[in-house]
Amino acid sequence: MHRKTVGHISRIFTAKGLSLSAAESCTGGLICHLLTTVPGASRFFRAGVVAYSTAAKKSILGIGQKVFSAYGMVSGETARHMAEKMRLLTKTDIAVSTTGNLGPDVLEGKPKGLVYMAVSTRSGTVIKKYLFKGTRGQIKEKAARAALALIAEVVGND
């Protein structure tokens, strides 16, 4: 499934001459890994950052403490800021981000499996909320695949 989606992303990005970057938290680099499994990914994929901690989100992506204080680390607003900051930082046309709770416990009052992702383009940012079931690894995998599908959806509709 992911190879088909990544192949589709590769074809769309290459045909449109677009570039992509990723700012990952809960997916821990899995989106970047999946994107680079397809030959020719370097034609469109530029950079990825795993900003797992709050400190990394602040220092690498430049997200202010106000965002975390107001919305928490696991939120649509944090996902939006991650994607938008990554797109600007890398000067790419599009950036994707993920932030969520893989479990096993509730985090910031948010349940295991809650994941937010965002895709930022020059014309705006799309934010999606998901509640995945499964083990920590299964949630991570489902989130990465959903992010790929979201990229394909946003770029296909652009």
N, C-alpha and C. Protein backbone atom coordinates (compact mmCIF):
# COMPACT_ATOMS: atom_id res chain seq x y z
N MET A 1 0.82 -1.21 0.00
CA MET A 1 0.00 0.00 0.00
C MET A 1 0.86 1.26 0.00
N HIS A 2 1.87 1.33 0.91
CA HIS A 2 2.65 2.56 0.99
C HIS A 2 3.45 2.80 -0.28
N ARG A 3 3.94 1.73 -0.93
CA ARG A 3 4.73 1.91 -2.16
C ARG A 3 3.88 2.53 -3.26
N LYS A 4 2.63 2.12 -3.33
CA LYS A 4 1.72 2.68 -4.32
C LYS A 4 1.49 4.17 -4.04
N THR A 5 1.24 4.50 -2.77
CA THR A 5 1.01 5.89 -2.39
C THR A 5 2.27 6.72 -2.61
N VAL A 6 3.42 6.20 -2.21
CA VAL A 6 4.68 6.94 -2.38
C VAL A 6 4.99 7.10 -3.87
N GLY A 7 4.74 6.07 -4.66
CA GLY A 7 4.93 6.18 -6.11
C GLY A 7 4.04 7.26 -6.71
N HIS A 8 2.80 7.31 -6.24
CA HIS A 8 1.85 8.33 -6.69
C HIS A 8 2.35 9.73 -6.30
N ILE A 9 2.80 9.87 -5.06
CA ILE A 9 3.35 11.15 -4.59
C ILE A 9 4.54 11.54 -5.45
N SER A 10 5.43 10.59 -5.70
CA SER A 10 6.62 10.86 -6.51
C SER A 10 6.23 11.37 -7.90
N ARG A 11 5.27 10.71 -8.53
CA ARG A 11 4.84 11.12 -9.87
C ARG A 11 4.22 12.51 -9.87
N ILE A 12 3.36 12.78 -8.89
CA ILE A 12 2.69 14.09 -8.82
C ILE A 12 3.72 15.20 -8.56
N PHE A 13 4.58 15.00 -7.57
CA PHE A 13 5.56 16.03 -7.22
C PHE A 13 6.52 16.28 -8.38
N THR A 14 6.96 15.22 -9.03
CA THR A 14 7.88 15.36 -10.15
C THR A 14 7.21 16.07 -11.32
N ALA A 15 5.99 15.67 -11.65
CA ALA A 15 5.26 16.28 -12.77
C ALA A 15 4.98 17.76 -12.52
N LYS A 16 4.68 18.10 -11.27
CA LYS A 16 4.36 19.50 -10.94
C LYS A 16 5.59 20.31 -10.55
N GLY A 17 6.75 19.65 -10.44
CA GLY A 17 7.97 20.34 -10.05
C GLY A 17 7.95 20.85 -8.62
N LEU A 18 7.32 20.08 -7.73
CA LEU A 18 7.18 20.48 -6.33
C LEU A 18 8.21 19.81 -5.44
N SER A 19 8.49 20.45 -4.32
CA SER A 19 9.42 19.89 -3.32
C SER A 19 8.68 19.66 -2.01
N LEU A 20 9.18 18.70 -1.23
CA LEU A 20 8.53 18.26 0.00
C LEU A 20 9.53 18.14 1.14
N SER A 21 9.06 18.49 2.34
CA SER A 21 9.84 18.26 3.56
C SER A 21 8.89 17.72 4.63
N ALA A 22 9.47 17.19 5.71
CA ALA A 22 8.66 16.58 6.77
C ALA A 22 9.21 16.94 8.15
N ALA A 23 8.29 17.27 9.06
CA ALA A 23 8.62 17.49 10.46
C ALA A 23 7.83 16.46 11.25
N GLU A 24 8.53 15.47 11.76
CA GLU A 24 7.86 14.36 12.43
C GLU A 24 8.13 14.38 13.93
N SER A 25 7.09 14.02 14.67
CA SER A 25 7.25 13.79 16.09
C SER A 25 6.91 12.33 16.36
N CYS A 26 5.65 12.00 16.52
CA CYS A 26 5.27 10.64 16.90
C CYS A 26 5.63 9.58 15.86
N THR A 27 5.76 9.95 14.61
CA THR A 27 6.12 8.97 13.58
C THR A 27 7.63 8.73 13.51
N GLY A 28 8.40 9.50 14.23
CA GLY A 28 9.82 9.23 14.44
C GLY A 28 10.67 9.00 13.20
N GLY A 29 10.35 9.64 12.09
CA GLY A 29 11.14 9.47 10.88
C GLY A 29 10.59 8.44 9.91
N LEU A 30 9.50 7.80 10.26
CA LEU A 30 8.94 6.75 9.40
C LEU A 30 8.42 7.32 8.07
N ILE A 31 7.86 8.52 8.09
CA ILE A 31 7.40 9.13 6.84
C ILE A 31 8.59 9.33 5.90
N CYS A 32 9.67 9.88 6.43
CA CYS A 32 10.88 10.09 5.62
C CYS A 32 11.39 8.76 5.08
N HIS A 33 11.39 7.75 5.94
CA HIS A 33 11.84 6.42 5.51
C HIS A 33 10.98 5.92 4.35
N LEU A 34 9.67 5.99 4.50
CA LEU A 34 8.78 5.48 3.46
C LEU A 34 8.93 6.27 2.16
N LEU A 35 9.07 7.58 2.27
CA LEU A 35 9.25 8.40 1.06
C LEU A 35 10.51 8.04 0.29
N THR A 36 11.56 7.67 1.02
CA THR A 36 12.84 7.39 0.36
C THR A 36 12.99 5.93 -0.07
N THR A 37 11.94 5.13 0.05
CA THR A 37 12.00 3.75 -0.44
C THR A 37 11.79 3.68 -1.95
N VAL A 38 11.29 4.75 -2.54
CA VAL A 38 11.02 4.77 -3.97
C VAL A 38 12.21 5.42 -4.70
N PRO A 39 12.74 4.75 -5.72
CA PRO A 39 13.83 5.35 -6.49
C PRO A 39 13.42 6.71 -7.05
N GLY A 40 14.33 7.66 -7.00
CA GLY A 40 14.06 8.98 -7.53
C GLY A 40 13.44 9.94 -6.53
N ALA A 41 13.32 9.53 -5.27
CA ALA A 41 12.73 10.40 -4.25
C ALA A 41 13.49 11.72 -4.12
N SER A 42 14.77 11.71 -4.44
CA SER A 42 15.57 12.93 -4.32
C SER A 42 15.13 14.02 -5.31
N ARG A 43 14.32 13.65 -6.29
CA ARG A 43 13.82 14.66 -7.23
C ARG A 43 12.84 15.61 -6.54
N PHE A 44 12.18 15.14 -5.47
CA PHE A 44 11.18 16.00 -4.83
C PHE A 44 11.35 16.11 -3.31
N PHE A 45 11.90 15.09 -2.65
CA PHE A 45 12.01 15.11 -1.20
C PHE A 45 13.32 15.78 -0.78
N ARG A 46 13.22 16.85 0.02
CA ARG A 46 14.39 17.65 0.38
C ARG A 46 14.94 17.40 1.77
N ALA A 47 14.05 17.29 2.79
CA ALA A 47 14.57 17.22 4.15
C ALA A 47 13.51 16.71 5.11
N GLY A 48 14.01 16.12 6.20
CA GLY A 48 13.14 15.68 7.26
C GLY A 48 13.77 15.94 8.61
N VAL A 49 12.94 16.26 9.59
CA VAL A 49 13.39 16.51 10.96
C VAL A 49 12.51 15.69 11.89
N VAL A 50 13.13 14.99 12.83
CA VAL A 50 12.38 14.34 13.89
C VAL A 50 12.53 15.23 15.12
N ALA A 51 11.48 16.00 15.37
CA ALA A 51 11.44 16.91 16.52
C ALA A 51 10.54 16.25 17.55
N TYR A 52 11.11 15.30 18.26
CA TYR A 52 10.34 14.45 19.17
C TYR A 52 9.99 15.16 20.48
N SER A 53 10.90 15.94 20.99
CA SER A 53 10.68 16.60 22.27
C SER A 53 10.17 18.03 22.07
N THR A 54 9.62 18.58 23.13
CA THR A 54 9.20 19.98 23.10
C THR A 54 10.40 20.87 22.82
N ALA A 55 11.53 20.56 23.44
CA ALA A 55 12.74 21.36 23.25
C ALA A 55 13.16 21.38 21.79
N ALA A 56 13.07 20.23 21.11
CA ALA A 56 13.44 20.18 19.69
C ALA A 56 12.45 20.98 18.84
N LYS A 57 11.18 20.89 19.18
CA LYS A 57 10.17 21.66 18.43
C LYS A 57 10.45 23.16 18.58
N LYS A 58 10.92 23.55 19.76
CA LYS A 58 11.25 24.96 19.99
C LYS A 58 12.54 25.35 19.28
N SER A 59 13.61 24.59 19.51
CA SER A 59 14.92 25.01 19.02
C SER A 59 15.12 24.78 17.52
N ILE A 60 14.63 23.69 16.99
CA ILE A 60 14.84 23.39 15.57
C ILE A 60 13.78 24.07 14.70
N LEU A 61 12.52 23.93 15.10
CA LEU A 61 11.44 24.47 14.27
C LEU A 61 11.04 25.89 14.66
N GLY A 62 11.45 26.34 15.83
CA GLY A 62 11.14 27.71 16.24
C GLY A 62 9.71 27.92 16.69
N ILE A 63 9.10 26.89 17.24
CA ILE A 63 7.74 27.02 17.74
C ILE A 63 7.79 27.61 19.15
N GLY A 64 6.99 28.62 19.38
CA GLY A 64 7.00 29.32 20.66
C GLY A 64 6.28 28.55 21.77
N GLN A 65 6.69 28.79 22.98
CA GLN A 65 6.09 28.16 24.15
C GLN A 65 4.60 28.44 24.25
N LYS A 66 4.17 29.58 23.74
CA LYS A 66 2.75 29.95 23.81
C LYS A 66 1.87 28.91 23.13
N VAL A 67 2.35 28.33 22.05
CA VAL A 67 1.58 27.30 21.34
C VAL A 67 1.38 26.09 22.24
N PHE A 68 2.45 25.63 22.88
CA PHE A 68 2.37 24.46 23.75
C PHE A 68 1.53 24.75 24.99
N SER A 69 1.68 25.96 25.54
CA SER A 69 0.90 26.33 26.73
C SER A 69 -0.59 26.39 26.42
N ALA A 70 -0.93 26.91 25.25
CA ALA A 70 -2.33 27.08 24.88
C ALA A 70 -2.98 25.80 24.37
N TYR A 71 -2.24 24.99 23.61
CA TYR A 71 -2.85 23.84 22.93
C TYR A 71 -2.26 22.48 23.30
N GLY A 72 -1.04 22.47 23.83
CA GLY A 72 -0.37 21.21 24.15
C GLY A 72 0.48 20.73 23.00
N MET A 73 1.32 19.74 23.30
CA MET A 73 2.18 19.17 22.27
C MET A 73 1.39 18.37 21.25
N VAL A 74 0.33 17.72 21.71
CA VAL A 74 -0.51 16.92 20.84
C VAL A 74 -1.75 17.74 20.51
N SER A 75 -1.68 18.47 19.39
CA SER A 75 -2.79 19.34 19.00
C SER A 75 -2.70 19.68 17.52
N GLY A 76 -3.82 20.09 16.98
CA GLY A 76 -3.84 20.54 15.60
C GLY A 76 -3.00 21.78 15.40
N GLU A 77 -3.00 22.68 16.40
CA GLU A 77 -2.21 23.90 16.30
C GLU A 77 -0.71 23.60 16.27
N THR A 78 -0.29 22.65 17.09
CA THR A 78 1.12 22.28 17.08
C THR A 78 1.49 21.66 15.73
N ALA A 79 0.63 20.79 15.21
CA ALA A 79 0.88 20.19 13.89
C ALA A 79 0.97 21.28 12.82
N ARG A 80 0.06 22.24 12.88
CA ARG A 80 0.07 23.34 11.90
C ARG A 80 1.38 24.12 11.96
N HIS A 81 1.78 24.50 13.18
CA HIS A 81 3.02 25.26 13.34
C HIS A 81 4.23 24.44 12.86
N MET A 82 4.24 23.15 13.18
CA MET A 82 5.36 22.30 12.74
C MET A 82 5.47 22.28 11.22
N ALA A 83 4.36 22.08 10.53
CA ALA A 83 4.38 22.00 9.07
C ALA A 83 4.76 23.35 8.45
N GLU A 84 4.16 24.40 8.95
CA GLU A 84 4.43 25.73 8.39
C GLU A 84 5.87 26.16 8.63
N LYS A 85 6.39 25.92 9.82
CA LYS A 85 7.78 26.28 10.13
C LYS A 85 8.75 25.44 9.30
N MET A 86 8.43 24.15 9.12
CA MET A 86 9.31 23.28 8.33
C MET A 86 9.34 23.72 6.87
N ARG A 87 8.20 24.08 6.33
CA ARG A 87 8.15 24.53 4.93
C ARG A 87 9.00 25.78 4.75
N LEU A 88 8.89 26.71 5.68
CA LEU A 88 9.68 27.94 5.59
C LEU A 88 11.16 27.68 5.82
N LEU A 89 11.48 26.84 6.79
CA LEU A 89 12.87 26.52 7.12
C LEU A 89 13.59 25.87 5.94
N THR A 90 12.90 24.97 5.25
CA THR A 90 13.53 24.22 4.15
C THR A 90 13.27 24.83 2.78
N LYS A 91 12.42 25.85 2.74
CA LYS A 91 12.07 26.51 1.49
C LYS A 91 11.48 25.53 0.47
N THR A 92 10.66 24.60 0.98
CA THR A 92 9.99 23.64 0.11
C THR A 92 8.58 24.14 -0.20
N ASP A 93 7.99 23.58 -1.24
CA ASP A 93 6.64 23.95 -1.63
C ASP A 93 5.62 23.42 -0.63
N ILE A 94 5.91 22.24 -0.09
CA ILE A 94 4.96 21.56 0.79
C ILE A 94 5.72 20.91 1.94
N ALA A 95 5.09 20.92 3.12
CA ALA A 95 5.66 20.22 4.28
C ALA A 95 4.54 19.49 5.00
N VAL A 96 4.89 18.34 5.53
CA VAL A 96 3.96 17.54 6.32
C VAL A 96 4.48 17.46 7.75
N SER A 97 3.58 17.34 8.71
CA SER A 97 4.00 17.17 10.10
C SER A 97 3.07 16.19 10.80
N THR A 98 3.61 15.58 11.86
CA THR A 98 2.81 14.69 12.71
C THR A 98 3.16 14.95 14.16
N THR A 99 2.15 14.88 15.01
CA THR A 99 2.35 14.93 16.45
C THR A 99 1.21 14.14 17.08
N GLY A 100 1.54 13.33 18.07
CA GLY A 100 0.49 12.50 18.65
C GLY A 100 0.94 11.74 19.87
N ASN A 101 0.02 10.92 20.35
CA ASN A 101 0.27 10.09 21.53
C ASN A 101 0.22 8.62 21.12
N LEU A 102 1.39 7.98 21.09
CA LEU A 102 1.45 6.56 20.74
C LEU A 102 1.14 5.65 21.92
N GLY A 103 1.04 6.23 23.11
CA GLY A 103 0.74 5.43 24.29
C GLY A 103 2.01 4.99 25.00
N PRO A 104 1.90 4.23 26.03
CA PRO A 104 0.71 3.49 26.44
C PRO A 104 -0.26 4.30 27.29
N ASP A 105 0.16 5.46 27.78
CA ASP A 105 -0.66 6.20 28.73
C ASP A 105 -1.31 7.42 28.09
N VAL A 106 -2.24 8.01 28.80
CA VAL A 106 -2.83 9.28 28.41
C VAL A 106 -1.74 10.35 28.54
N LEU A 107 -1.68 11.28 27.59
CA LEU A 107 -0.67 12.34 27.57
C LEU A 107 -1.40 13.67 27.45
N GLU A 108 -1.17 14.58 28.35
CA GLU A 108 -1.84 15.89 28.33
C GLU A 108 -3.37 15.72 28.32
N GLY A 109 -3.86 14.64 28.93
CA GLY A 109 -5.29 14.39 28.93
C GLY A 109 -5.81 13.86 27.61
N LYS A 110 -4.89 13.50 26.71
CA LYS A 110 -5.26 13.03 25.37
C LYS A 110 -4.99 11.55 25.25
N PRO A 111 -5.92 10.81 24.66
CA PRO A 111 -5.83 9.35 24.65
C PRO A 111 -4.75 8.79 23.75
N LYS A 112 -4.35 7.59 24.07
CA LYS A 112 -3.45 6.82 23.22
C LYS A 112 -4.09 6.70 21.84
N GLY A 113 -3.29 6.93 20.81
CA GLY A 113 -3.76 6.80 19.44
C GLY A 113 -4.21 8.09 18.80
N LEU A 114 -4.28 9.17 19.60
CA LEU A 114 -4.66 10.47 19.04
C LEU A 114 -3.48 11.07 18.29
N VAL A 115 -3.66 11.35 17.01
CA VAL A 115 -2.60 11.90 16.18
C VAL A 115 -3.16 13.05 15.35
N TYR A 116 -2.41 14.14 15.32
CA TYR A 116 -2.72 15.27 14.44
C TYR A 116 -1.64 15.34 13.39
N MET A 117 -2.05 15.66 12.18
CA MET A 117 -1.07 15.91 11.13
C MET A 117 -1.50 17.11 10.32
N ALA A 118 -0.53 17.73 9.69
CA ALA A 118 -0.80 18.91 8.87
C ALA A 118 0.02 18.84 7.61
N VAL A 119 -0.54 19.40 6.55
CA VAL A 119 0.19 19.58 5.30
C VAL A 119 0.10 21.07 4.97
N SER A 120 1.25 21.71 4.90
CA SER A 120 1.33 23.14 4.63
C SER A 120 1.76 23.37 3.19
N THR A 121 1.01 24.22 2.49
CA THR A 121 1.35 24.64 1.14
C THR A 121 1.38 26.17 1.13
N ARG A 122 1.78 26.74 0.03
CA ARG A 122 1.81 28.20 -0.06
C ARG A 122 0.40 28.79 0.03
N SER A 123 -0.60 27.99 -0.31
CA SER A 123 -1.98 28.51 -0.29
C SER A 123 -2.72 28.21 1.01
N GLY A 124 -2.08 27.53 1.95
CA GLY A 124 -2.74 27.25 3.23
C GLY A 124 -2.29 25.95 3.85
N THR A 125 -2.90 25.62 4.97
CA THR A 125 -2.53 24.42 5.71
C THR A 125 -3.77 23.60 6.02
N VAL A 126 -3.68 22.31 5.72
CA VAL A 126 -4.75 21.36 6.03
C VAL A 126 -4.35 20.59 7.28
N ILE A 127 -5.25 20.52 8.25
CA ILE A 127 -4.99 19.80 9.50
C ILE A 127 -6.00 18.67 9.63
N LYS A 128 -5.53 17.49 10.00
CA LYS A 128 -6.41 16.34 10.21
C LYS A 128 -6.16 15.75 11.59
N LYS A 129 -7.22 15.22 12.16
CA LYS A 129 -7.16 14.57 13.47
C LYS A 129 -7.56 13.11 13.28
N TYR A 130 -6.80 12.22 13.89
CA TYR A 130 -7.07 10.79 13.80
C TYR A 130 -7.03 10.17 15.18
N LEU A 131 -7.78 9.10 15.35
CA LEU A 131 -7.70 8.30 16.57
C LEU A 131 -7.48 6.86 16.12
N PHE A 132 -6.22 6.42 16.20
CA PHE A 132 -5.85 5.09 15.75
C PHE A 132 -5.89 4.10 16.91
N LYS A 133 -6.19 2.87 16.60
CA LYS A 133 -6.18 1.78 17.58
C LYS A 133 -4.98 0.88 17.30
N GLY A 134 -4.52 0.20 18.33
CA GLY A 134 -3.45 -0.77 18.16
C GLY A 134 -2.32 -0.56 19.13
N THR A 135 -1.24 -1.27 18.86
CA THR A 135 -0.02 -1.14 19.68
C THR A 135 0.69 0.16 19.29
N ARG A 136 1.68 0.49 20.05
CA ARG A 136 2.49 1.67 19.76
C ARG A 136 3.03 1.64 18.32
N GLY A 137 3.59 0.51 17.94
CA GLY A 137 4.13 0.37 16.59
C GLY A 137 3.06 0.45 15.51
N GLN A 138 1.91 -0.15 15.78
CA GLN A 138 0.81 -0.11 14.81
C GLN A 138 0.28 1.31 14.62
N ILE A 139 0.17 2.04 15.71
CA ILE A 139 -0.31 3.43 15.62
C ILE A 139 0.68 4.27 14.83
N LYS A 140 1.96 4.08 15.10
CA LYS A 140 3.00 4.82 14.37
C LYS A 140 2.91 4.53 12.88
N GLU A 141 2.77 3.26 12.51
CA GLU A 141 2.67 2.87 11.11
C GLU A 141 1.41 3.44 10.46
N LYS A 142 0.28 3.35 11.15
CA LYS A 142 -0.98 3.88 10.61
C LYS A 142 -0.88 5.39 10.41
N ALA A 143 -0.25 6.07 11.36
CA ALA A 143 -0.10 7.52 11.26
C ALA A 143 0.77 7.91 10.06
N ALA A 144 1.87 7.20 9.87
CA ALA A 144 2.76 7.50 8.74
C ALA A 144 2.04 7.28 7.42
N ARG A 145 1.30 6.20 7.31
CA ARG A 145 0.55 5.91 6.07
C ARG A 145 -0.56 6.94 5.84
N ALA A 146 -1.22 7.37 6.92
CA ALA A 146 -2.25 8.39 6.79
C ALA A 146 -1.64 9.72 6.33
N ALA A 147 -0.45 10.02 6.81
CA ALA A 147 0.24 11.25 6.40
C ALA A 147 0.56 11.21 4.91
N LEU A 148 1.02 10.05 4.42
CA LEU A 148 1.29 9.91 2.99
C LEU A 148 0.02 10.11 2.18
N ALA A 149 -1.09 9.52 2.64
CA ALA A 149 -2.37 9.67 1.95
C ALA A 149 -2.82 11.14 1.96
N LEU A 150 -2.59 11.83 3.07
CA LEU A 150 -2.96 13.24 3.16
C LEU A 150 -2.13 14.08 2.20
N ILE A 151 -0.84 13.80 2.11
CA ILE A 151 0.01 14.53 1.15
C ILE A 151 -0.55 14.34 -0.26
N ALA A 152 -0.82 13.09 -0.63
CA ALA A 152 -1.33 12.79 -1.97
C ALA A 152 -2.66 13.50 -2.22
N GLU A 153 -3.52 13.51 -1.21
CA GLU A 153 -4.82 14.17 -1.33
C GLU A 153 -4.67 15.67 -1.55
N VAL A 154 -3.86 16.31 -0.71
CA VAL A 154 -3.69 17.76 -0.80
C VAL A 154 -3.03 18.15 -2.13
N VAL A 155 -2.00 17.45 -2.53
CA VAL A 155 -1.30 17.80 -3.76
C VAL A 155 -2.14 17.46 -4.99
N GLY A 156 -2.89 16.36 -4.90
CA GLY A 156 -3.76 15.98 -6.01
C GLY A 156 -4.88 16.98 -6.24
N ASN A 157 -5.29 17.66 -5.16
CA ASN A 157 -6.36 18.66 -5.26
C ASN A 157 -5.84 20.05 -5.52
N ASP A 158 -4.53 20.20 -5.51
CA ASP A 158 -3.93 21.54 -5.66
C ASP A 158 -3.96 22.00 -7.10
